[in-house]
Amino acid sequence: MVIKRIQYTVVSDYAETNKKNIMKVMEELKLKNLSGIRYSTYVLDDKKTFMHFVVTESDAANQILTGLETFKIFQTELMASGPEFPPKVENLTLVGSSYELLD
């Protein structure tokens, strides 16, 4: 299992576009119904700091996610927007969970 947390801060003017791009990724994931990928995104109280949690069953499943056209567009446009704080990726190790992370 691969678990990642990614956090970054966009400029205020880009926050809504970023949300729309994220939703396109989520829509594609739902359509593809990939059981080995769990992906959620949150925005902090400042409305411009985003936190993503990605749980995949393997590195191969993670590559499926990052290979999606919607994901590539999301990443490209995010970096082109000139984020205030660029994405910081942290690998997490699961200690325990009260629910199944992957089916």
Protein backbone atom coordinates (compact mmCIF):
# COMPACT_ATOMS: atom_id res chain seq x y z
CA MET A 1 0.00 0.00 0.00
CA VAL A 2 1.26 3.46 -0.92
CA ILE A 3 -0.06 6.44 1.05
CA LYS A 4 0.83 10.03 0.24
CA ARG A 5 -0.15 13.44 1.57
CA ILE A 6 0.43 16.41 -0.70
CA GLN A 7 -0.02 20.00 0.43
CA TYR A 8 0.43 23.30 -1.38
CA THR A 9 -0.93 26.85 -1.42
CA VAL A 10 -2.17 28.51 -4.59
CA VAL A 11 -2.59 32.22 -5.25
CA SER A 12 -6.11 33.32 -4.31
CA ASP A 13 -7.16 33.96 -7.91
CA TYR A 14 -6.37 30.35 -8.87
CA ALA A 15 -8.22 28.54 -6.05
CA GLU A 16 -11.52 28.07 -7.92
CA THR A 17 -9.77 26.85 -11.08
CA ASN A 18 -7.78 24.41 -8.98
CA LYS A 19 -10.99 23.06 -7.43
CA LYS A 20 -12.50 22.58 -10.89
CA ASN A 21 -9.40 20.75 -12.14
CA ILE A 22 -9.44 18.50 -9.06
CA MET A 23 -13.11 17.68 -9.65
CA LYS A 24 -12.32 16.64 -13.23
CA VAL A 25 -9.76 14.16 -11.88
CA MET A 26 -12.29 12.86 -9.34
CA GLU A 27 -14.96 12.47 -12.03
CA GLU A 28 -12.60 10.47 -14.23
CA LEU A 29 -11.64 8.23 -11.30
CA LYS A 30 -15.32 7.60 -10.51
CA LEU A 31 -16.05 6.74 -14.15
CA LYS A 32 -13.13 4.32 -14.30
CA ASN A 33 -14.14 2.78 -10.92
CA LEU A 34 -10.57 1.81 -10.03
CA SER A 35 -10.73 -0.16 -6.78
CA GLY A 36 -7.00 0.17 -6.07
CA ILE A 37 -7.05 3.97 -5.78
CA ARG A 38 -8.54 6.12 -3.02
CA TYR A 39 -8.03 9.85 -3.54
CA SER A 40 -9.48 12.76 -1.59
CA THR A 41 -8.72 16.47 -1.53
CA TYR A 42 -9.45 19.12 1.07
CA VAL A 43 -9.03 22.88 1.25
CA LEU A 44 -7.98 24.57 4.49
CA ASP A 45 -9.71 27.53 6.12
CA ASP A 46 -7.62 30.03 4.13
CA LYS A 47 -9.44 28.72 1.01
CA LYS A 48 -6.20 28.44 -0.96
CA THR A 49 -4.18 25.71 0.79
CA PHE A 50 -5.00 22.28 -0.56
CA MET A 51 -4.27 18.90 0.99
CA HIS A 52 -4.53 15.68 -1.01
CA PHE A 53 -4.56 12.16 0.44
CA VAL A 54 -3.79 9.36 -1.97
CA VAL A 55 -4.00 5.68 -1.02
CA THR A 56 -3.11 3.17 -3.71
CA GLU A 57 -2.64 -0.56 -3.53
CA SER A 58 0.74 -0.32 -5.29
CA ASP A 59 3.16 1.92 -7.15
CA ALA A 60 1.53 0.66 -10.37
CA ALA A 61 -1.88 1.94 -9.21
CA ASN A 62 -0.28 5.28 -8.33
CA GLN A 63 1.12 5.46 -11.86
CA ILE A 64 -2.39 4.88 -13.24
CA LEU A 65 -3.57 7.92 -11.29
CA THR A 66 -0.71 10.16 -12.38
CA GLY A 67 -1.11 8.93 -15.97
CA LEU A 68 -4.71 10.15 -16.28
CA GLU A 69 -5.06 13.00 -18.77
CA THR A 70 -7.14 15.01 -16.27
CA PHE A 71 -4.43 14.56 -13.64
CA LYS A 72 -1.71 15.71 -16.03
CA ILE A 73 -3.74 18.83 -16.88
CA PHE A 74 -4.37 19.48 -13.19
CA GLN A 75 -0.64 19.26 -12.38
CA THR A 76 0.49 21.30 -15.39
CA GLU A 77 -1.95 24.12 -14.73
CA LEU A 78 -1.22 24.11 -11.00
CA MET A 79 2.51 24.58 -11.56
CA ALA A 80 1.90 27.19 -14.29
CA SER A 81 -0.27 29.18 -11.85
CA GLY A 82 2.78 30.01 -9.69
CA PRO A 83 1.71 28.56 -6.34
CA GLU A 84 2.64 30.52 -3.21
CA PHE A 85 3.97 27.26 -1.73
CA PRO A 86 4.71 24.45 -4.19
CA PRO A 87 3.45 20.92 -3.60
CA LYS A 88 5.17 19.05 -0.80
CA VAL A 89 4.77 15.28 -1.01
CA GLU A 90 5.01 13.18 2.14
CA ASN A 91 4.90 9.40 2.24
CA LEU A 92 2.84 8.05 5.12
CA THR A 93 2.90 4.70 6.89
CA LEU A 94 -0.42 3.40 8.17
CA VAL A 95 -0.47 2.63 11.87
CA GLY A 96 -4.14 1.70 12.07
CA SER A 97 -7.58 2.48 10.68
CA SER A 98 -11.14 1.90 11.83
CA TYR A 99 -12.19 1.19 8.22
CA GLU A 100 -10.82 -0.54 5.13
CA LEU A 101 -8.76 1.85 3.05
CA LEU A 102 -8.97 -0.29 -0.07
CA ASP A 103 -11.54 -2.90 -1.04
